[in-house]
């Protein structure tokens, strides 16, 4: 070797493995994004390895390599949705006005990303029908409870506020005249104040 350059032979097995891992993770994310687009456009029942491959512009074998069954695709998509919402909930908790940040997140259900929210609802409803996935769906409820714990110490009152959060998500998604973020925040503030008084 000369001039401080590293020859191809000196690249470690670990570096090669890391590169493959990053490439694999990127491909998995691309396939899950394609899965969500299929659900957004055509519904949960339209998901197949062939449909996802076509959406992602990859051969079906690339899908089956990472997700051997359609069920694997759907479970991974549900988990990814949940991970995203838990990350966003953590950002809400760290905000100067946590309730306002949460209200904005809730109100997004009536915005431009409504089709994506519909796809997420389909995945969560799937989890509700399948006992093996209910723990994954419950991660969200546990996280919202933890988010509200500093504001609503009483666990019974907090359970009511957690249920209201889910109800507000649904109202923003379904109602023909959904509340905006300011209205959602006002509702949350009233519920949190009532829950604090109950404690």
C-alpha atoms as a PDB file:
ATOM      1  CA  UNK A   1       0.000   0.000   0.000  1.00  0.00           C
ATOM      2  CA  UNK A   2       1.232   3.514  -0.767  1.00  0.00           C
ATOM      3  CA  UNK A   3       0.042   7.072  -0.181  1.00  0.00           C
ATOM      4  CA  UNK A   4      -2.091   6.098   2.798  1.00  0.00           C
ATOM      5  CA  UNK A   5      -4.755   4.471   0.608  1.00  0.00           C
ATOM      6  CA  UNK A   6      -6.581   1.368   1.762  1.00  0.00           C
ATOM      7  CA  UNK A   7      -6.639  -1.487  -0.703  1.00  0.00           C
ATOM      8  CA  UNK A   8      -9.756  -3.520  -1.352  1.00  0.00           C
ATOM      9  CA  UNK A   9      -8.161  -6.442   0.440  1.00  0.00           C
ATOM     10  CA  UNK A  10      -7.790  -4.403   3.614  1.00  0.00           C
ATOM     11  CA  UNK A  11     -11.511  -3.677   3.989  1.00  0.00           C
ATOM     12  CA  UNK A  12     -12.564  -5.619   7.048  1.00  0.00           C
ATOM     13  CA  UNK A  13     -15.285  -8.216   7.137  1.00  0.00           C
ATOM     14  CA  UNK A  14     -17.037  -6.030   9.714  1.00  0.00           C
ATOM     15  CA  UNK A  15     -17.151  -3.072   7.331  1.00  0.00           C
ATOM     16  CA  UNK A  16     -18.579  -5.281   4.586  1.00  0.00           C
ATOM     17  CA  UNK A  17     -21.183  -6.661   6.981  1.00  0.00           C
ATOM     18  CA  UNK A  18     -22.110  -3.124   8.106  1.00  0.00           C
ATOM     19  CA  UNK A  19     -22.543  -2.030   4.498  1.00  0.00           C
ATOM     20  CA  UNK A  20     -24.765  -4.996   3.750  1.00  0.00           C
ATOM     21  CA  UNK A  21     -26.781  -4.365   6.894  1.00  0.00           C
ATOM     22  CA  UNK A  22     -27.345  -0.712   5.959  1.00  0.00           C
ATOM     23  CA  UNK A  23     -28.350  -1.716   2.448  1.00  0.00           C
ATOM     24  CA  UNK A  24     -30.733  -4.335   3.847  1.00  0.00           C
ATOM     25  CA  UNK A  25     -32.297  -1.859   6.268  1.00  0.00           C
ATOM     26  CA  UNK A  26     -32.755   0.661   3.465  1.00  0.00           C
ATOM     27  CA  UNK A  27     -34.409  -1.958   1.261  1.00  0.00           C
ATOM     28  CA  UNK A  28     -36.730  -3.025   4.097  1.00  0.00           C
ATOM     29  CA  UNK A  29     -37.782   0.612   4.637  1.00  0.00           C
ATOM     30  CA  UNK A  30     -38.446   1.015   0.922  1.00  0.00           C
ATOM     31  CA  UNK A  31     -40.597  -2.122   0.862  1.00  0.00           C
ATOM     32  CA  UNK A  32     -42.558  -1.064   3.934  1.00  0.00           C
ATOM     33  CA  UNK A  33     -43.165   2.367   2.389  1.00  0.00           C
ATOM     34  CA  UNK A  34     -44.433   0.615  -0.728  1.00  0.00           C
ATOM     35  CA  UNK A  35     -46.691  -1.558   1.442  1.00  0.00           C
ATOM     36  CA  UNK A  36     -48.206   1.544   3.015  1.00  0.00           C
ATOM     37  CA  UNK A  37     -48.826   3.075  -0.413  1.00  0.00           C
ATOM     38  CA  UNK A  38     -50.660  -0.082  -1.516  1.00  0.00           C
ATOM     39  CA  UNK A  39     -52.831   0.036   1.620  1.00  0.00           C
ATOM     40  CA  UNK A  40     -53.461   3.773   1.176  1.00  0.00           C
ATOM     41  CA  UNK A  41     -54.619   3.296  -2.397  1.00  0.00           C
ATOM     42  CA  UNK A  42     -56.341  -0.093  -2.372  1.00  0.00           C
ATOM     43  CA  UNK A  43     -56.801  -1.240   1.228  1.00  0.00           C
ATOM     44  CA  UNK A  44     -55.283  -3.934   3.407  1.00  0.00           C
ATOM     45  CA  UNK A  45     -56.686  -6.817   1.348  1.00  0.00           C
ATOM     46  CA  UNK A  46     -54.741  -5.632  -1.709  1.00  0.00           C
ATOM     47  CA  UNK A  47     -51.376  -6.279  -0.085  1.00  0.00           C
ATOM     48  CA  UNK A  48     -49.446  -9.105  -1.716  1.00  0.00           C
ATOM     49  CA  UNK A  49     -45.770  -9.627  -2.307  1.00  0.00           C
ATOM     50  CA  UNK A  50     -46.323  -9.076  -6.034  1.00  0.00           C
ATOM     51  CA  UNK A  51     -48.281  -5.841  -5.463  1.00  0.00           C
ATOM     52  CA  UNK A  52     -45.611  -4.499  -3.113  1.00  0.00           C
ATOM     53  CA  UNK A  53     -42.841  -5.472  -5.526  1.00  0.00           C
ATOM     54  CA  UNK A  54     -44.607  -3.664  -8.352  1.00  0.00           C
ATOM     55  CA  UNK A  55     -45.146  -0.590  -6.179  1.00  0.00           C
ATOM     56  CA  UNK A  56     -41.487  -0.582  -5.104  1.00  0.00           C
ATOM     57  CA  UNK A  57     -40.177  -1.271  -8.614  1.00  0.00           C
ATOM     58  CA  UNK A  58     -38.375  -4.419  -7.523  1.00  0.00           C
ATOM     59  CA  UNK A  59     -38.693  -8.098  -8.472  1.00  0.00           C
ATOM     60  CA  UNK A  60     -41.019 -10.179  -6.226  1.00  0.00           C
ATOM     61  CA  UNK A  61     -38.004 -12.201  -5.069  1.00  0.00           C
ATOM     62  CA  UNK A  62     -36.639  -9.059  -3.387  1.00  0.00           C
ATOM     63  CA  UNK A  63     -39.811  -8.837  -1.314  1.00  0.00           C
ATOM     64  CA  UNK A  64     -39.866 -12.504  -0.348  1.00  0.00           C
ATOM     65  CA  UNK A  65     -36.199 -12.294   0.670  1.00  0.00           C
ATOM     66  CA  UNK A  66     -37.026  -9.758   3.404  1.00  0.00           C
ATOM     67  CA  UNK A  67     -40.656 -10.716   4.045  1.00  0.00           C
ATOM     68  CA  UNK A  68     -41.295 -14.412   3.324  1.00  0.00           C
ATOM     69  CA  UNK A  69     -45.082 -14.056   3.824  1.00  0.00           C
ATOM     70  CA  UNK A  70     -47.684 -11.335   3.418  1.00  0.00           C
ATOM     71  CA  UNK A  71     -48.235 -11.616   7.154  1.00  0.00           C
ATOM     72  CA  UNK A  72     -44.584 -10.700   7.728  1.00  0.00           C
ATOM     73  CA  UNK A  73     -45.101  -7.590   5.598  1.00  0.00           C
ATOM     74  CA  UNK A  74     -48.201  -6.512   7.496  1.00  0.00           C
ATOM     75  CA  UNK A  75     -46.722  -7.119  10.947  1.00  0.00           C
ATOM     76  CA  UNK A  76     -43.585  -5.179  10.004  1.00  0.00           C
ATOM     77  CA  UNK A  77     -45.704  -2.324   8.617  1.00  0.00           C
ATOM     78  CA  UNK A  78     -47.740  -2.174  11.839  1.00  0.00           C
ATOM     79  CA  UNK A  79     -44.569  -2.166  13.948  1.00  0.00           C
ATOM     80  CA  UNK A  80     -43.031   0.600  11.815  1.00  0.00           C
ATOM     81  CA  UNK A  81     -46.178   2.735  12.162  1.00  0.00           C
ATOM     82  CA  UNK A  82     -46.149   2.230  15.901  1.00  0.00           C
ATOM     83  CA  UNK A  83     -42.440   3.073  16.142  1.00  0.00           C
ATOM     84  CA  UNK A  84     -43.056   6.295  14.227  1.00  0.00           C
ATOM     85  CA  UNK A  85     -45.924   7.341  16.485  1.00  0.00           C
ATOM     86  CA  UNK A  86     -43.960   6.524  19.636  1.00  0.00           C
ATOM     87  CA  UNK A  87     -41.050   8.646  18.391  1.00  0.00           C
ATOM     88  CA  UNK A  88     -43.436  11.516  17.691  1.00  0.00           C
ATOM     89  CA  UNK A  89     -45.065  11.107  21.102  1.00  0.00           C
ATOM     90  CA  UNK A  90     -41.618  11.333  22.721  1.00  0.00           C
ATOM     91  CA  UNK A  91     -41.062  14.590  20.812  1.00  0.00           C
ATOM     92  CA  UNK A  92     -44.405  15.844  22.169  1.00  0.00           C
ATOM     93  CA  UNK A  93     -43.311  15.050  25.727  1.00  0.00           C
ATOM     94  CA  UNK A  94     -40.084  17.025  25.249  1.00  0.00           C
ATOM     95  CA  UNK A  95     -41.886  20.087  23.834  1.00  0.00           C
ATOM     96  CA  UNK A  96     -42.377  23.290  25.841  1.00  0.00           C
ATOM     97  CA  UNK A  97     -46.137  22.793  25.382  1.00  0.00           C
ATOM     98  CA  UNK A  98     -46.630  19.006  25.264  1.00  0.00           C
ATOM     99  CA  UNK A  99     -50.407  19.183  24.891  1.00  0.00           C
ATOM    100  CA  UNK A 100     -50.197  21.591  21.950  1.00  0.00           C
ATOM    101  CA  UNK A 101     -47.686  19.346  20.214  1.00  0.00           C
ATOM    102  CA  UNK A 102     -49.899  16.298  20.824  1.00  0.00           C
ATOM    103  CA  UNK A 103     -52.941  18.224  19.581  1.00  0.00           C
ATOM    104  CA  UNK A 104     -51.104  19.004  16.342  1.00  0.00           C
ATOM    105  CA  UNK A 105     -50.250  15.326  15.915  1.00  0.00           C
ATOM    106  CA  UNK A 106     -53.879  14.332  16.499  1.00  0.00           C
ATOM    107  CA  UNK A 107     -55.277  16.961  14.127  1.00  0.00           C
ATOM    108  CA  UNK A 108     -53.034  15.756  11.294  1.00  0.00           C
ATOM    109  CA  UNK A 109     -55.577  12.977  10.707  1.00  0.00           C
ATOM    110  CA  UNK A 110     -57.757  15.392   8.779  1.00  0.00           C
ATOM    111  CA  UNK A 111     -54.922  16.878   6.728  1.00  0.00           C
ATOM    112  CA  UNK A 112     -53.094  16.015   3.514  1.00  0.00           C
ATOM    113  CA  UNK A 113     -51.773  12.764   4.973  1.00  0.00           C
ATOM    114  CA  UNK A 114     -55.277  11.423   5.567  1.00  0.00           C
ATOM    115  CA  UNK A 115     -54.801   8.432   3.224  1.00  0.00           C
ATOM    116  CA  UNK A 116     -51.741   7.373   5.207  1.00  0.00           C
ATOM    117  CA  UNK A 117     -53.709   7.666   8.456  1.00  0.00           C
ATOM    118  CA  UNK A 118     -56.403   5.452   6.919  1.00  0.00           C
ATOM    119  CA  UNK A 119     -53.754   2.833   6.157  1.00  0.00           C
ATOM    120  CA  UNK A 120     -52.496   3.011   9.742  1.00  0.00           C
ATOM    121  CA  UNK A 121     -56.025   2.517  11.070  1.00  0.00           C
ATOM    122  CA  UNK A 122     -56.419  -0.570   8.909  1.00  0.00           C
ATOM    123  CA  UNK A 123     -53.248  -2.024  10.378  1.00  0.00           C
ATOM    124  CA  UNK A 124     -54.312  -1.283  13.960  1.00  0.00           C
ATOM    125  CA  UNK A 125     -57.747  -2.796  13.351  1.00  0.00           C
ATOM    126  CA  UNK A 126     -55.989  -5.898  12.041  1.00  0.00           C
ATOM    127  CA  UNK A 127     -54.085  -6.059  15.344  1.00  0.00           C
ATOM    128  CA  UNK A 128     -57.359  -5.812  17.246  1.00  0.00           C
ATOM    129  CA  UNK A 129     -58.631  -8.940  15.508  1.00  0.00           C
ATOM    130  CA  UNK A 130     -55.468 -10.947  16.171  1.00  0.00           C
ATOM    131  CA  UNK A 131     -54.430 -11.843  19.714  1.00  0.00           C
ATOM    132  CA  UNK A 132     -50.801 -12.333  18.624  1.00  0.00           C
ATOM    133  CA  UNK A 133     -50.601  -8.656  17.579  1.00  0.00           C
ATOM    134  CA  UNK A 134     -52.467  -7.065  20.461  1.00  0.00           C
ATOM    135  CA  UNK A 135     -49.276  -6.485  22.454  1.00  0.00           C
ATOM    136  CA  UNK A 136     -47.954  -4.424  19.537  1.00  0.00           C
ATOM    137  CA  UNK A 137     -51.099  -2.293  19.486  1.00  0.00           C
ATOM    138  CA  UNK A 138     -50.965  -1.956  23.282  1.00  0.00           C
ATOM    139  CA  UNK A 139     -47.525  -0.325  23.047  1.00  0.00           C
ATOM    140  CA  UNK A 140     -49.280   2.866  21.944  1.00  0.00           C
ATOM    141  CA  UNK A 141     -51.703   2.879  24.890  1.00  0.00           C
ATOM    142  CA  UNK A 142     -48.862   2.300  27.346  1.00  0.00           C
ATOM    143  CA  UNK A 143     -46.860   5.134  25.780  1.00  0.00           C
ATOM    144  CA  UNK A 144     -49.778   7.593  25.938  1.00  0.00           C
ATOM    145  CA  UNK A 145     -50.345   6.631  29.584  1.00  0.00           C
ATOM    146  CA  UNK A 146     -46.671   7.364  30.333  1.00  0.00           C
ATOM    147  CA  UNK A 147     -46.907  10.670  28.438  1.00  0.00           C
ATOM    148  CA  UNK A 148     -49.900  11.754  30.532  1.00  0.00           C
ATOM    149  CA  UNK A 149     -48.647  10.468  33.894  1.00  0.00           C
ATOM    150  CA  UNK A 150     -46.858  13.730  34.872  1.00  0.00           C
ATOM    151  CA  UNK A 151     -50.027  15.708  34.070  1.00  0.00           C
ATOM    152  CA  UNK A 152     -52.708  13.324  35.414  1.00  0.00           C
ATOM    153  CA  UNK A 153     -51.369  11.436  38.449  1.00  0.00           C
ATOM    154  CA  UNK A 154     -54.565   9.484  39.188  1.00  0.00           C
ATOM    155  CA  UNK A 155     -54.469   6.260  37.135  1.00  0.00           C
ATOM    156  CA  UNK A 156     -58.255   5.977  36.761  1.00  0.00           C
ATOM    157  CA  UNK A 157     -58.596   9.562  35.538  1.00  0.00           C
ATOM    158  CA  UNK A 158     -55.582   9.040  33.271  1.00  0.00           C
ATOM    159  CA  UNK A 159     -57.197   5.989  31.668  1.00  0.00           C
ATOM    160  CA  UNK A 160     -60.115   8.212  30.710  1.00  0.00           C
ATOM    161  CA  UNK A 161     -57.813  10.805  29.145  1.00  0.00           C
ATOM    162  CA  UNK A 162     -55.908   8.094  27.233  1.00  0.00           C
ATOM    163  CA  UNK A 163     -59.222   6.847  25.832  1.00  0.00           C
ATOM    164  CA  UNK A 164     -60.132  10.428  24.896  1.00  0.00           C
ATOM    165  CA  UNK A 165     -56.855  10.796  22.985  1.00  0.00           C
ATOM    166  CA  UNK A 166     -57.754   7.768  20.873  1.00  0.00           C
ATOM    167  CA  UNK A 167     -61.266   9.166  20.398  1.00  0.00           C
ATOM    168  CA  UNK A 168     -59.893  12.522  19.257  1.00  0.00           C
ATOM    169  CA  UNK A 169     -57.648  10.790  16.721  1.00  0.00           C
ATOM    170  CA  UNK A 170     -60.715   9.012  15.345  1.00  0.00           C
ATOM    171  CA  UNK A 171     -62.849  12.167  15.297  1.00  0.00           C
ATOM    172  CA  UNK A 172     -60.188  14.136  13.413  1.00  0.00           C
ATOM    173  CA  UNK A 173     -59.978  11.321  10.889  1.00  0.00           C
ATOM    174  CA  UNK A 174     -63.687  10.562  10.431  1.00  0.00           C
ATOM    175  CA  UNK A 175     -65.724  13.661  11.199  1.00  0.00           C
ATOM    176  CA  UNK A 176     -66.898  15.805   8.260  1.00  0.00           C
ATOM    177  CA  UNK A 177     -65.993  18.933  10.246  1.00  0.00           C
ATOM    178  CA  UNK A 178     -62.992  17.802  12.316  1.00  0.00           C
ATOM    179  CA  UNK A 179     -61.593  19.977  15.109  1.00  0.00           C
ATOM    180  CA  UNK A 180     -58.360  21.809  14.400  1.00  0.00           C
ATOM    181  CA  UNK A 181     -55.246  21.607  16.571  1.00  0.00           C
ATOM    182  CA  UNK A 182     -56.317  24.545  18.771  1.00  0.00           C
ATOM    183  CA  UNK A 183     -59.686  22.938  19.463  1.00  0.00           C
ATOM    184  CA  UNK A 184     -58.062  19.581  20.208  1.00  0.00           C
ATOM    185  CA  UNK A 185     -55.639  21.262  22.600  1.00  0.00           C
ATOM    186  CA  UNK A 186     -58.523  22.962  24.422  1.00  0.00           C
ATOM    187  CA  UNK A 187     -60.255  19.599  24.868  1.00  0.00           C
ATOM    188  CA  UNK A 188     -57.056  17.953  26.090  1.00  0.00           C
ATOM    189  CA  UNK A 189     -56.373  20.798  28.528  1.00  0.00           C
ATOM    190  CA  UNK A 190     -59.876  20.525  29.992  1.00  0.00           C
ATOM    191  CA  UNK A 191     -59.551  16.759  30.383  1.00  0.00           C
ATOM    192  CA  UNK A 192     -56.093  17.003  31.914  1.00  0.00           C
ATOM    193  CA  UNK A 193     -57.254  19.700  34.358  1.00  0.00           C
ATOM    194  CA  UNK A 194     -60.217  17.530  35.352  1.00  0.00           C
ATOM    195  CA  UNK A 195     -57.993  14.500  35.731  1.00  0.00           C
ATOM    196  CA  UNK A 196     -55.537  16.477  37.861  1.00  0.00           C
ATOM    197  CA  UNK A 197     -58.382  17.579  40.134  1.00  0.00           C
ATOM    198  CA  UNK A 198     -59.474  13.948  40.464  1.00  0.00           C
ATOM    199  CA  UNK A 199     -56.041  13.081  41.773  1.00  0.00           C
END
